[in-house]
Amino acid sequence: MFLYNLFRFILEVVNIYSIALVIYALLSWFPGGYGSALGRFLTRICEPYLSIFRKLPLQFAGLDFSIIVALFGLQLLTRILNWLFMMILY
């Protein structure tokens, strides 16, 4: 039971972080969005993870696709954790 609760907690944290990344990306549409209190908070929690992907050549025609790749990475992590949990459980 403990392992299941731990797994659910980790999945919830990953889901909340994914939502934070989407909100962080949407803040770029608003002037001064990153300067707001929410923007500064999201910058502190999202930039360390996004900096991994910003080193890759993911910018085309002035658009930065690193957030999309970061979200794919989180989804891949979720699937791997789900697979590991099923392997341990059964």
Foldseek 3Di string as FASTA:
>chain_A
DVVVVVLVVVVVVLVVLLVLLVVQVVLVVDVCSCVDPSNVVSCVVPVVLLVVQVVDPQADPNDHCSSVVSSVVSVVVNVVSVVVVVVVVD
